[in-house]
């Protein structure tokens, strides 16, 4: 079978056979022109009136499947917007392979069809050039990953899809067992415990492109089932793992985009990322760093700021360069409503022009306004946006605001990629719902050596050997060095307030394995869907998955989840409560 190939002006005179779908058919000056679409793109064919296939050509409709046999000739009227726009096929024979019903939407990249309609007829949607190319990019990424890791002696190992439910993460998808009624498997949120066991088993270097499942609320860059590039290594430290991770990502960029990524990647501690960018996945493609201006108002008479001081809060700002004239009072009111969704109490602003104006100009002193200008290096027509209150709220809301402003002001350049590692994550985060400290990643993440003694005494200031790789404001992957010392693992469980019974029920089988000569080990995982999304230039993860779910975790094409037969439920020993 001949390899798929595309044709251009250099192929003029060649005899070809093309199979594909009718993208468009039109009659002009007695000639019938047919745009044939297949995986290689679109090529035009022409059928002349004297051709015995002329009547058939004249009857073709959109998405009919055809075979065209003919000779490549140079087009008189070239279309340089097409890769094949300098040539066409002069048809000698035309064969109708199959007909098509009238299609529910036009298969073009600029289709106006609703996403729900396109998802219902996903097999038609995938005929569009953009989606087809996205899946080819995904294929190229996985091919590059396997080649890169194989060259470093990593072994690809599949781990189970039916496994034990392990809490402390997102909700599990549960699978009832027919053989063991009343018991359930869980679909893996990641192969975390299995890949660690492979290190205990002595494989030393493992990888897998693994399917993972999480029953959580969805968004544009999240799906209930997703794929990750899973990597684990023995006898390594943080630097070793991050070196492999960033070289892998750089290799993917080179193979897929033809771009050189400068290594080593920048590293930024979690606390610095939150302070400067209000996010643990900072977007570095533009400025507007968050700046602390609390000291500017330490003697203020402005009641709101004075109360912030009394409550040990902070006052932070971002400077939007040369944008004072771009935001009306109405626009700023909209920005205020935006930050309130992040629990900010409000948004103050100052416009520095020939005349200084703003929402707080009349309630703060002239000295405070001038001090602010000097500290923030404000220039004419700059806009200063200020949020005050509890630290986490201030940082998070300003972090989200700077990203919104960058999009609104078109500050992000096309094909601009900024990559970095965010390191030194907290070991614990406080849960208001649970009223206790929870593991920030998972209970097997190693704390910093200097913080082991803080596990039980100072959880709020205990940091871990964890790291995330961030691209353009997206967390594309991350990992950690794992705990291999039994004493440290015992302290971690105690810090998480797990009883011996909890440990045995949730992780007993895994903890037992760690007692049999566990090597130091660590690893990382990259989100294949998210990485493909970034390299494909889309912001919707559904655009890079062949058959995705909607935001409500449903498959519109095959109408699932669905009601199952009562006989199936009875076999499983399950009844549905109202």
Protein backbone atom coordinates (compact mmCIF):
# COMPACT_ATOMS: atom_id res chain seq x y z
CA UNK A 1 0.00 0.00 0.00
CA UNK A 2 1.40 3.38 -1.01
CA UNK A 3 2.29 5.70 1.88
CA UNK A 4 0.02 8.68 2.40
CA UNK A 5 1.45 11.61 0.50
CA UNK A 6 0.56 15.15 -0.43
CA UNK A 7 1.00 16.60 -3.88
CA UNK A 8 2.30 19.90 -5.23
CA UNK A 9 3.54 21.54 -8.43
CA UNK A 10 6.47 19.11 -8.57
CA UNK A 11 4.05 16.24 -9.18
CA UNK A 12 2.60 17.64 -12.43
CA UNK A 13 2.23 14.87 -15.02
CA UNK A 14 1.88 12.05 -12.48
CA UNK A 15 -1.05 9.65 -12.63
CA UNK A 16 -2.78 9.35 -9.26
CA UNK A 17 -5.62 7.66 -7.43
CA UNK A 18 -7.25 9.76 -4.70
CA UNK A 19 -9.83 8.46 -2.21
CA UNK A 20 -11.77 10.86 -0.04
CA UNK A 21 -14.89 12.85 0.69
CA UNK A 22 -16.55 15.53 -1.41
CA UNK A 23 -15.84 18.75 0.50
CA UNK A 24 -17.43 20.90 -2.19
CA UNK A 25 -18.70 20.51 -5.75
CA UNK A 26 -19.46 23.30 -8.20
CA UNK A 27 -20.15 23.76 -11.89
CA UNK A 28 -18.40 26.54 -13.80
CA UNK A 29 -18.35 27.07 -17.55
CA UNK A 30 -19.55 23.54 -18.21
CA UNK A 31 -16.78 22.04 -16.05
CA UNK A 32 -17.44 20.29 -12.74
CA UNK A 33 -14.92 21.10 -10.00
CA UNK A 34 -14.74 18.77 -7.01
CA UNK A 35 -12.80 19.51 -3.83
CA UNK A 36 -11.74 16.14 -2.44
CA UNK A 37 -10.83 15.96 1.24
CA UNK A 38 -8.87 13.25 2.98
CA UNK A 39 -6.31 13.10 5.76
CA UNK A 40 -3.69 14.83 3.63
CA UNK A 41 -5.91 17.87 3.01
CA UNK A 42 -7.93 19.10 0.03
CA UNK A 43 -7.15 18.79 -3.65
CA UNK A 44 -9.27 19.96 -6.57
CA UNK A 45 -10.39 17.64 -9.37
CA UNK A 46 -11.95 18.74 -12.67
CA UNK A 47 -14.35 16.75 -14.86
CA UNK A 48 -14.94 17.89 -18.42
CA UNK A 49 -18.29 17.57 -20.30
CA UNK A 50 -16.94 14.98 -22.73
CA UNK A 51 -15.93 12.69 -19.84
CA UNK A 52 -18.13 9.58 -19.37
CA UNK A 53 -18.14 10.36 -15.63
CA UNK A 54 -19.56 13.83 -16.18
CA UNK A 55 -23.16 12.95 -15.19
CA UNK A 56 -21.95 11.24 -12.01
CA UNK A 57 -19.74 14.21 -11.17
CA UNK A 58 -22.68 16.55 -11.62
CA UNK A 59 -24.75 14.54 -9.10
CA UNK A 60 -22.21 14.49 -6.24
CA UNK A 61 -23.18 16.01 -2.91
CA UNK A 62 -21.25 16.98 0.20
CA UNK A 63 -19.54 14.11 2.05
CA UNK A 64 -20.08 11.50 -0.65
CA UNK A 65 -17.15 9.09 -0.62
CA UNK A 66 -15.42 8.87 -4.00
CA UNK A 67 -12.34 7.63 -5.80
CA UNK A 68 -10.77 9.80 -8.48
CA UNK A 69 -8.27 8.53 -11.02
CA UNK A 70 -6.48 11.01 -13.21
CA UNK A 71 -3.41 13.09 -13.94
CA UNK A 72 -2.02 16.02 -11.98
CA UNK A 73 -1.94 19.21 -14.06
CA UNK A 74 -1.09 22.82 -13.31
CA UNK A 75 -4.07 25.02 -12.47
CA UNK A 76 -4.82 28.05 -14.57
CA UNK A 77 -6.36 29.95 -11.64
CA UNK A 78 -4.16 29.17 -8.66
CA UNK A 79 -5.31 29.31 -5.03
CA UNK A 80 -2.25 30.01 -2.90
CA UNK A 81 -4.28 29.59 0.30
CA UNK A 82 -4.22 25.84 -0.32
CA UNK A 83 -1.13 23.63 -0.12
CA UNK A 84 -2.36 22.03 -3.38
CA UNK A 85 -3.56 25.32 -4.82
CA UNK A 86 -1.21 25.28 -7.83
CA UNK A 87 -2.45 21.96 -9.17
CA UNK A 88 -5.58 19.96 -9.87
CA UNK A 89 -6.47 16.47 -11.03
CA UNK A 90 -7.73 16.07 -14.57
CA UNK A 91 -10.16 13.20 -14.03
CA UNK A 92 -10.13 10.15 -16.29
CA UNK A 93 -12.31 8.00 -14.06
CA UNK A 94 -14.62 8.72 -11.13
CA UNK A 95 -16.09 6.06 -8.82
CA UNK A 96 -18.83 6.65 -6.26
CA UNK A 97 -17.96 4.53 -3.20
CA UNK A 98 -20.71 5.65 -0.83
CA UNK A 99 -23.39 8.29 -0.39
CA UNK A 100 -24.03 10.49 2.65
CA UNK A 101 -27.13 11.83 4.34
CA UNK A 102 -27.50 15.59 4.41
CA UNK A 103 -25.01 16.75 7.01
CA UNK A 104 -26.20 18.65 10.12
CA UNK A 105 -23.51 21.35 9.80
CA UNK A 106 -20.91 22.49 7.31
CA UNK A 107 -17.56 20.81 7.76
CA UNK A 108 -15.35 23.87 7.69
CA UNK A 109 -12.96 25.40 10.22
CA UNK A 110 -15.14 28.51 10.44
CA UNK A 111 -18.30 26.53 11.17
CA UNK A 112 -20.95 28.33 13.21
CA UNK A 113 -22.40 25.09 14.56
CA UNK A 114 -22.83 24.92 18.34
CA UNK A 115 -20.27 22.79 20.18
CA UNK A 116 -23.01 20.47 21.46
CA UNK A 117 -24.07 19.76 17.87
CA UNK A 118 -20.51 19.10 16.82
CA UNK A 119 -19.96 16.78 19.79
CA UNK A 120 -23.11 14.83 18.95
CA UNK A 121 -21.76 14.26 15.43
CA UNK A 122 -18.12 14.09 16.51
CA UNK A 123 -17.20 11.73 13.65
CA UNK A 124 -18.18 14.54 11.27
CA UNK A 125 -16.53 17.23 13.37
CA UNK A 126 -13.25 15.31 13.21
CA UNK A 127 -13.24 15.74 9.44
CA UNK A 128 -12.49 19.43 9.99
CA UNK A 129 -8.89 20.37 9.25
CA UNK A 130 -8.22 21.96 12.63
CA UNK A 131 -9.33 18.99 14.72
CA UNK A 132 -7.61 16.53 12.42
CA UNK A 133 -4.36 18.46 12.76
CA UNK A 134 -4.74 18.61 16.55
CA UNK A 135 -4.91 14.82 16.75
CA UNK A 136 -1.91 14.52 14.45
CA UNK A 137 -0.01 16.87 16.79
CA UNK A 138 -1.03 14.58 19.67
CA UNK A 139 0.29 11.58 17.76
CA UNK A 140 3.58 13.37 17.06
CA UNK A 141 3.94 14.23 20.76
CA UNK A 142 3.45 10.63 21.92
CA UNK A 143 5.83 9.37 19.25
CA UNK A 144 8.51 11.87 20.32
CA UNK A 145 8.02 10.97 24.01
CA UNK A 146 8.39 7.24 23.46
CA UNK A 147 11.48 7.73 21.31
CA UNK A 148 13.10 10.11 23.84
CA UNK A 149 12.46 7.92 26.90
CA UNK A 150 13.42 4.69 25.15
CA UNK A 151 16.77 6.28 24.28
CA UNK A 152 17.30 6.88 28.03
CA UNK A 153 16.57 3.22 28.87
CA UNK A 154 13.13 3.79 30.37
CA UNK A 155 10.86 0.73 30.32
CA UNK A 156 7.21 1.20 29.34
CA UNK A 157 4.96 -0.72 31.75
CA UNK A 158 1.16 -0.80 31.82
CA UNK A 159 -0.48 -0.58 35.26
CA UNK A 160 -4.02 -1.70 36.20
CA UNK A 161 -7.14 0.29 35.36
CA UNK A 162 -9.21 -1.57 37.95
CA UNK A 163 -7.59 -0.80 41.29
CA UNK A 164 -8.29 0.03 44.95
CA UNK A 165 -9.91 3.30 45.95
CA UNK A 166 -7.34 5.52 47.68
CA UNK A 167 -8.78 8.70 49.26
CA UNK A 168 -6.98 12.02 49.85
CA UNK A 169 -7.37 13.11 46.21
CA UNK A 170 -10.31 13.91 43.94
CA UNK A 171 -13.40 11.69 43.93
CA UNK A 172 -12.88 8.23 42.48
CA UNK A 173 -14.94 6.69 39.72
CA UNK A 174 -16.12 3.43 41.24
CA UNK A 175 -16.71 0.14 39.42
CA UNK A 176 -18.88 -2.49 41.17
CA UNK A 177 -17.66 -6.07 41.25
CA UNK A 178 -20.13 -8.74 40.13
CA UNK A 179 -18.03 -11.56 41.53
CA UNK A 180 -17.50 -9.86 44.89
CA UNK A 181 -20.87 -8.26 45.56
CA UNK A 182 -20.81 -5.13 47.68
CA UNK A 183 -17.19 -4.43 46.81
CA UNK A 184 -15.85 -1.92 44.30
CA UNK A 185 -12.85 -1.21 42.17
CA UNK A 186 -11.80 2.37 41.48
CA UNK A 187 -10.55 3.75 38.21
CA UNK A 188 -7.06 5.21 38.81
CA UNK A 189 -6.68 8.94 39.36
CA UNK A 190 -3.05 8.28 38.43
CA UNK A 191 -0.73 5.25 38.52
CA UNK A 192 0.99 6.83 41.56
CA UNK A 193 1.24 3.84 43.87
CA UNK A 194 1.89 1.33 41.11
CA UNK A 195 4.78 3.30 39.67
CA UNK A 196 6.34 3.58 43.12
CA UNK A 197 5.98 -0.19 43.50
CA UNK A 198 7.81 -0.61 40.19
CA UNK A 199 10.72 1.24 41.79
CA UNK A 200 10.54 -1.16 44.76
CA UNK A 201 10.52 -3.94 42.15
CA UNK A 202 13.86 -2.72 40.78
CA UNK A 203 12.88 -1.35 37.36
CA UNK A 204 14.67 1.95 38.13
CA UNK A 205 13.30 3.76 35.06
CA UNK A 206 9.62 3.43 34.15
CA UNK A 207 7.23 5.35 31.93
CA UNK A 208 3.71 4.97 30.64
CA UNK A 209 1.18 6.99 28.70
CA UNK A 210 -1.60 6.28 31.17
CA UNK A 211 -5.34 6.83 31.14
CA UNK A 212 -6.51 8.48 34.38
CA UNK A 213 -9.94 9.28 35.82
CA UNK A 214 -11.16 11.92 38.27
CA UNK A 215 -14.75 12.64 39.23
CA UNK A 216 -14.41 16.40 39.64
CA UNK A 217 -15.97 19.59 38.37
CA UNK A 218 -14.89 20.29 34.81
CA UNK A 219 -13.58 23.35 32.95
CA UNK A 220 -12.06 24.16 29.57
CA UNK A 221 -8.73 22.48 30.36
CA UNK A 222 -10.05 19.50 32.33
CA UNK A 223 -11.81 16.21 31.46
CA UNK A 224 -13.11 13.34 33.63
CA UNK A 225 -10.81 10.94 31.78
CA UNK A 226 -7.45 12.17 30.65
CA UNK A 227 -4.02 10.91 29.61
CA UNK A 228 -0.74 11.59 31.32
CA UNK A 229 2.88 10.83 30.53
CA UNK A 230 3.94 9.07 33.71
CA UNK A 231 7.65 8.81 34.60
CA UNK A 232 9.42 7.39 37.68
CA UNK A 233 13.11 6.94 38.49
CA UNK A 234 15.14 5.37 41.31
CA UNK A 235 18.29 6.69 43.00
CA UNK A 236 17.57 10.29 42.02
CA UNK A 237 17.10 13.71 43.58
CA UNK A 238 14.99 16.68 42.50
CA UNK A 239 17.60 17.98 40.04
CA UNK A 240 17.89 14.60 38.32
CA UNK A 241 14.14 14.32 37.78
CA UNK A 242 13.68 17.91 36.63
CA UNK A 243 16.57 17.56 34.19
CA UNK A 244 14.92 14.59 32.48
CA UNK A 245 11.51 16.32 32.57
CA UNK A 246 12.65 19.56 30.96
CA UNK A 247 14.77 17.77 28.34
CA UNK A 248 11.72 15.67 27.45
CA UNK A 249 9.55 18.77 27.05
CA UNK A 250 12.26 20.55 25.04
CA UNK A 251 12.56 17.52 22.75
CA UNK A 252 8.78 17.54 22.18
CA UNK A 253 8.89 21.25 21.27
CA UNK A 254 11.73 20.56 18.83
CA UNK A 255 10.08 17.56 17.20
CA UNK A 256 6.55 18.99 17.02
CA UNK A 257 7.05 22.76 16.67
CA UNK A 258 10.63 22.95 15.38
CA UNK A 259 11.38 25.26 18.31
CA UNK A 260 14.49 25.31 20.48
CA UNK A 261 13.81 25.68 24.21
CA UNK A 262 16.66 27.14 26.25
CA UNK A 263 17.71 24.83 29.08
CA UNK A 264 17.91 24.64 32.02
CA UNK A 265 14.47 26.12 32.60
CA UNK A 266 13.97 28.94 35.05
CA UNK A 267 13.04 27.83 38.58
CA UNK A 268 10.76 29.77 40.89
CA UNK A 269 9.81 28.87 44.45
CA UNK A 270 6.11 28.49 45.20
CA UNK A 271 6.11 31.39 47.67
CA UNK A 272 7.72 33.71 45.10
CA UNK A 273 5.22 32.68 42.43
CA UNK A 274 2.32 33.46 44.74
CA UNK A 275 3.85 36.78 45.86
CA UNK A 276 4.64 38.08 42.36
CA UNK A 277 1.96 36.45 40.23
CA UNK A 278 -0.79 35.28 42.60
CA UNK A 279 -0.65 31.80 41.14
CA UNK A 280 1.35 28.59 41.47
CA UNK A 281 1.25 28.40 37.67
CA UNK A 282 2.39 31.91 36.68
CA UNK A 283 2.07 33.17 33.12
CA UNK A 284 5.34 34.96 32.33
CA UNK A 285 4.48 36.12 28.81
CA UNK A 286 3.68 39.61 30.10
CA UNK A 287 4.54 41.83 33.05
CA UNK A 288 2.14 43.30 35.61
CA UNK A 289 3.83 41.66 38.58
CA UNK A 290 1.98 42.02 41.87
CA UNK A 291 3.67 44.56 44.13
CA UNK A 292 3.31 44.95 47.89
CA UNK A 293 2.38 48.54 48.79
CA UNK A 294 1.31 47.86 52.36
CA UNK A 295 4.02 50.09 53.85
CA UNK A 296 2.87 53.05 51.76
CA UNK A 297 -0.27 53.20 53.89
CA UNK A 298 1.04 52.24 57.33
CA UNK A 299 0.01 55.64 58.71
CA UNK A 300 -3.04 56.13 56.54
CA UNK A 301 -6.29 57.69 57.72
CA UNK A 302 -8.26 55.78 55.12
CA UNK A 303 -10.53 53.52 57.18
CA UNK A 304 -10.52 50.55 54.79
CA UNK A 305 -6.72 50.35 54.66
CA UNK A 306 -6.42 51.06 58.40
CA UNK A 307 -8.70 48.10 59.11
CA UNK A 308 -6.52 45.91 56.89
CA UNK A 309 -3.54 46.77 59.09
CA UNK A 310 -5.46 45.98 62.24
CA UNK A 311 -6.41 42.57 60.84
CA UNK A 312 -2.84 41.75 59.69
CA UNK A 313 -3.85 41.93 56.05
CA UNK A 314 -1.93 43.27 53.06
CA UNK A 315 -2.37 45.91 50.34
CA UNK A 316 -1.09 44.95 46.88
CA UNK A 317 -1.23 46.50 43.42
CA UNK A 318 -0.56 45.90 39.75
CA UNK A 319 0.40 48.61 37.28
CA UNK A 320 -1.27 48.46 33.87
CA UNK A 321 1.09 50.39 31.64
CA UNK A 322 -0.30 53.05 29.32
CA UNK A 323 -3.88 51.93 29.94
CA UNK A 324 -5.47 54.72 31.97
CA UNK A 325 -7.40 55.98 28.94
CA UNK A 326 -8.52 52.46 27.98
CA UNK A 327 -10.69 51.88 31.07
CA UNK A 328 -13.81 53.89 31.78
CA UNK A 329 -15.61 53.90 35.12
CA UNK A 330 -17.99 51.30 33.71
CA UNK A 331 -15.06 49.09 32.64
CA UNK A 332 -13.51 49.37 36.09
CA UNK A 333 -16.83 48.42 37.70
CA UNK A 334 -16.75 45.24 35.62
CA UNK A 335 -13.22 44.51 36.82
CA UNK A 336 -14.44 44.99 40.38
CA UNK A 337 -17.16 42.42 39.87
CA UNK A 338 -14.56 40.09 38.35
CA UNK A 339 -12.25 40.18 41.40
CA UNK A 340 -15.20 39.71 43.73
CA UNK A 341 -15.61 36.21 42.25
CA UNK A 342 -12.24 35.52 43.89
CA UNK A 343 -13.59 36.78 47.25
CA UNK A 344 -11.94 40.21 47.03
CA UNK A 345 -13.98 42.85 48.87
CA UNK A 346 -13.39 45.46 46.17
CA UNK A 347 -10.98 47.04 43.69
CA UNK A 348 -9.46 50.48 44.16
CA UNK A 349 -7.83 52.33 41.27
CA UNK A 350 -5.74 55.39 40.55
CA UNK A 351 -5.16 56.93 37.12
CA UNK A 352 -1.91 58.87 36.83
CA UNK A 353 -2.26 61.54 34.15
CA UNK A 354 -1.76 65.31 34.19
CA UNK A 355 -4.49 65.12 36.79
CA UNK A 356 -4.46 62.20 39.24
CA UNK A 357 -7.93 60.64 39.53
CA UNK A 358 -9.36 57.49 40.97
CA UNK A 359 -11.65 55.84 43.47
CA UNK A 360 -9.44 56.55 46.52
CA UNK A 361 -7.75 59.81 45.52
CA UNK A 362 -9.98 61.88 47.82
CA UNK A 363 -9.54 59.63 50.86
CA UNK A 364 -5.76 59.11 50.90
CA UNK A 365 -3.10 61.77 51.33
CA UNK A 366 -1.13 63.46 48.58
CA UNK A 367 2.05 62.01 50.10
CA UNK A 368 0.64 58.48 49.86
CA UNK A 369 -0.27 59.05 46.20
CA UNK A 370 3.24 60.36 45.41
CA UNK A 371 4.95 57.60 47.41
CA UNK A 372 2.91 55.07 45.49
CA UNK A 373 3.95 56.64 42.19
CA UNK A 374 7.65 56.43 43.10
CA UNK A 375 7.55 52.90 44.50
CA UNK A 376 5.63 51.53 41.50
CA UNK A 377 7.61 53.57 38.91
CA UNK A 378 4.36 54.91 37.51
CA UNK A 379 4.44 56.89 34.26
CA UNK A 380 1.90 59.08 32.53
CA UNK A 381 -1.31 57.26 31.52
CA UNK A 382 -0.61 54.28 33.78
CA UNK A 383 -3.44 52.65 35.69
CA UNK A 384 -2.86 51.32 39.21
CA UNK A 385 -5.25 48.66 40.50
CA UNK A 386 -5.27 47.90 44.23
CA UNK A 387 -6.76 45.12 46.36
CA UNK A 388 -6.50 44.88 50.13
CA UNK A 389 -7.43 42.23 52.64
CA UNK A 390 -6.38 38.71 53.66
CA UNK A 391 -3.16 37.65 51.93
CA UNK A 392 -4.42 34.61 50.03
CA UNK A 393 -7.45 36.47 48.68
CA UNK A 394 -5.40 39.51 47.62
CA UNK A 395 -2.78 37.43 45.81
CA UNK A 396 -5.25 35.10 44.09
CA UNK A 397 -7.60 37.85 42.90
CA UNK A 398 -4.79 40.05 41.57
CA UNK A 399 -3.24 37.00 39.92
CA UNK A 400 -6.47 36.27 38.06
CA UNK A 401 -6.91 39.96 37.23
CA UNK A 402 -3.47 40.35 35.63
CA UNK A 403 -4.23 37.40 33.32
CA UNK A 404 -7.61 38.84 32.36
CA UNK A 405 -6.06 42.24 31.60
CA UNK A 406 -3.36 40.64 29.45
CA UNK A 407 -6.04 38.94 27.35
CA UNK A 408 -8.23 42.03 27.15
CA UNK A 409 -5.30 44.26 26.11
CA UNK A 410 -3.84 41.70 23.68
CA UNK A 411 -0.50 41.62 25.51
CA UNK A 412 0.13 37.95 24.65
CA UNK A 413 2.02 37.29 21.43
CA UNK A 414 1.20 34.32 19.22
CA UNK A 415 3.66 31.41 19.45
CA UNK A 416 5.28 32.91 22.54
CA UNK A 417 6.09 30.18 25.05
CA UNK A 418 7.38 30.78 28.57
CA UNK A 419 8.34 27.68 30.53
CA UNK A 420 9.48 27.33 34.14
CA UNK A 421 9.59 25.05 37.12
CA UNK A 422 7.70 26.02 40.27
CA UNK A 423 9.42 24.33 43.20
CA UNK A 424 9.30 24.00 46.99
CA UNK A 425 5.55 23.54 47.36
CA UNK A 426 4.05 23.46 50.85
CA UNK A 427 3.70 19.95 52.25
CA UNK A 428 0.26 20.80 53.65
CA UNK A 429 -2.71 23.04 52.94
CA UNK A 430 -5.44 23.95 55.37
CA UNK A 431 -8.92 22.61 54.61
CA UNK A 432 -11.80 24.61 56.06
CA UNK A 433 -14.12 21.76 55.12
CA UNK A 434 -12.07 19.15 56.98
CA UNK A 435 -10.85 21.61 59.65
CA UNK A 436 -7.34 20.18 59.41
CA UNK A 437 -4.18 20.21 57.33
CA UNK A 438 -4.33 18.02 54.21
CA UNK A 439 -1.51 16.77 52.01
CA UNK A 440 -0.86 19.39 49.35
CA UNK A 441 0.04 16.66 46.84
CA UNK A 442 -0.21 13.12 48.29
CA UNK A 443 0.90 11.47 51.55
CA UNK A 444 4.03 10.00 49.94
CA UNK A 445 5.61 13.31 48.89
CA UNK A 446 8.94 13.79 50.64
CA UNK A 447 9.37 16.91 52.78
CA UNK A 448 12.50 19.01 52.47
CA UNK A 449 15.27 17.47 54.58
CA UNK A 450 15.39 20.65 56.64
CA UNK A 451 11.63 20.44 57.33
CA UNK A 452 11.26 16.83 58.48
CA UNK A 453 11.15 17.97 62.10
CA UNK A 454 8.35 20.43 61.24
CA UNK A 455 5.95 17.72 60.12
CA UNK A 456 4.36 17.56 63.56
CA UNK A 457 5.23 20.98 64.98
CA UNK A 458 4.98 23.58 62.18
CA UNK A 459 2.85 22.26 59.32
CA UNK A 460 2.14 25.72 57.93
CA UNK A 461 5.85 26.22 57.21
CA UNK A 462 6.77 22.74 56.04
CA UNK A 463 7.87 22.49 52.40
CA UNK A 464 8.22 19.50 50.10
CA UNK A 465 10.47 18.16 47.37
CA UNK A 466 7.70 18.82 44.85
CA UNK A 467 7.86 20.62 41.53
CA UNK A 468 5.50 21.60 38.70
CA UNK A 469 6.38 22.44 35.12
CA UNK A 470 4.39 25.45 33.89
CA UNK A 471 3.88 26.64 30.33
CA UNK A 472 2.07 29.91 29.60
CA UNK A 473 0.07 29.84 32.82
CA UNK A 474 -0.89 26.17 32.58
CA UNK A 475 0.34 23.50 34.96
CA UNK A 476 1.43 20.99 32.34
CA UNK A 477 2.89 18.51 34.78
CA UNK A 478 4.57 17.94 38.07
CA UNK A 479 5.92 15.46 40.52
CA UNK A 480 8.03 14.97 43.58
CA UNK A 481 10.65 12.94 45.33
CA UNK A 482 8.81 10.23 47.29
CA UNK A 483 9.25 9.21 50.91
CA UNK A 484 11.33 6.02 51.12
CA UNK A 485 12.23 6.21 54.82
CA UNK A 486 9.76 4.38 57.08
CA UNK A 487 10.23 6.78 60.01
CA UNK A 488 9.51 9.83 57.83
CA UNK A 489 6.47 8.11 56.34
CA UNK A 490 5.16 7.38 59.85
CA UNK A 491 5.57 11.06 60.77
CA UNK A 492 3.73 12.11 57.60
CA UNK A 493 0.78 9.85 58.38
CA UNK A 494 0.70 11.21 61.93
CA UNK A 495 0.80 14.79 60.60
CA UNK A 496 -2.22 13.96 58.44
CA UNK A 497 -4.01 12.60 61.53
CA UNK A 498 -4.33 9.11 60.07
CA UNK A 499 -4.83 6.33 62.58
CA UNK A 500 -3.25 2.88 62.28
CA UNK A 501 -6.65 1.65 61.12
CA UNK A 502 -6.87 4.43 58.49
CA UNK A 503 -3.41 3.60 57.20
CA UNK A 504 -4.12 -0.11 57.02
CA UNK A 505 -7.48 0.32 55.28
CA UNK A 506 -6.33 2.96 52.80
CA UNK A 507 -2.70 2.16 52.07
CA UNK A 508 -1.82 -1.04 53.98
CA UNK A 509 -0.80 -3.07 50.94
CA UNK A 510 1.39 -0.24 49.67
CA UNK A 511 3.01 0.60 53.01
CA UNK A 512 3.88 -3.08 53.46
CA UNK A 513 5.77 -3.06 50.15
CA UNK A 514 7.84 -0.04 51.21
CA UNK A 515 9.33 -2.16 54.03
CA UNK A 516 11.13 -4.49 51.62
CA UNK A 517 14.16 -2.47 50.61
CA UNK A 518 12.60 0.65 49.05
CA UNK A 519 15.12 2.73 47.04
CA UNK A 520 15.07 6.54 47.01
CA UNK A 521 12.92 7.49 44.06
CA UNK A 522 10.90 10.23 42.43
CA UNK A 523 9.19 11.16 39.22
CA UNK A 524 6.82 13.40 37.34
CA UNK A 525 3.77 13.26 35.12
CA UNK A 526 2.90 15.48 32.17
CA UNK A 527 -0.68 16.05 31.08
CA UNK A 528 -0.75 14.83 27.49
CA UNK A 529 -4.07 16.53 26.73
CA UNK A 530 -2.97 19.87 28.17
CA UNK A 531 0.44 19.73 26.47
CA UNK A 532 -1.27 18.99 23.14
CA UNK A 533 -3.72 21.82 23.75
CA UNK A 534 -0.86 24.30 24.22
CA UNK A 535 1.12 23.11 21.21
CA UNK A 536 -2.03 23.11 19.05
CA UNK A 537 -2.83 26.72 19.93
CA UNK A 538 -6.28 26.09 21.41
CA UNK A 539 -7.59 26.86 24.89
CA UNK A 540 -10.21 24.09 24.87
CA UNK A 541 -9.00 20.64 25.87
CA UNK A 542 -11.92 19.02 24.02
CA UNK A 543 -10.28 20.14 20.77
CA UNK A 544 -7.40 17.70 21.27
CA UNK A 545 -9.34 14.61 22.41
CA UNK A 546 -10.96 12.44 19.76
CA UNK A 547 -14.18 11.74 21.67
CA UNK A 548 -14.39 14.11 24.67
CA UNK A 549 -17.02 14.67 27.32
CA UNK A 550 -18.96 17.90 27.81
CA UNK A 551 -18.59 20.23 30.80
CA UNK A 552 -21.25 18.12 32.54
CA UNK A 553 -19.22 14.91 31.93
CA UNK A 554 -21.58 13.53 29.29
CA UNK A 555 -20.90 12.01 25.88
CA UNK A 556 -23.48 13.49 23.52
CA UNK A 557 -22.54 11.20 20.66
CA UNK A 558 -23.30 7.87 22.37
CA UNK A 559 -25.58 9.38 25.02
CA UNK A 560 -23.77 8.36 28.17
CA UNK A 561 -23.83 8.03 31.09
CA UNK A 562 -27.06 6.17 30.58
CA UNK A 563 -29.60 4.14 32.51
CA UNK A 564 -28.72 0.43 32.58
CA UNK A 565 -31.00 -2.59 32.59
CA UNK A 566 -32.35 -3.63 36.01
CA UNK A 567 -30.99 -7.14 35.33
CA UNK A 568 -27.46 -5.74 35.20
CA UNK A 569 -27.96 -3.95 38.52
CA UNK A 570 -29.35 -7.10 40.11
CA UNK A 571 -26.29 -9.09 38.99
CA UNK A 572 -24.11 -6.48 40.69
CA UNK A 573 -26.20 -6.40 43.85
CA UNK A 574 -26.98 -2.71 43.37
CA UNK A 575 -30.23 -0.79 43.76
CA UNK A 576 -30.84 2.83 42.83
CA UNK A 577 -32.16 5.11 45.57
CA UNK A 578 -34.57 7.88 44.66
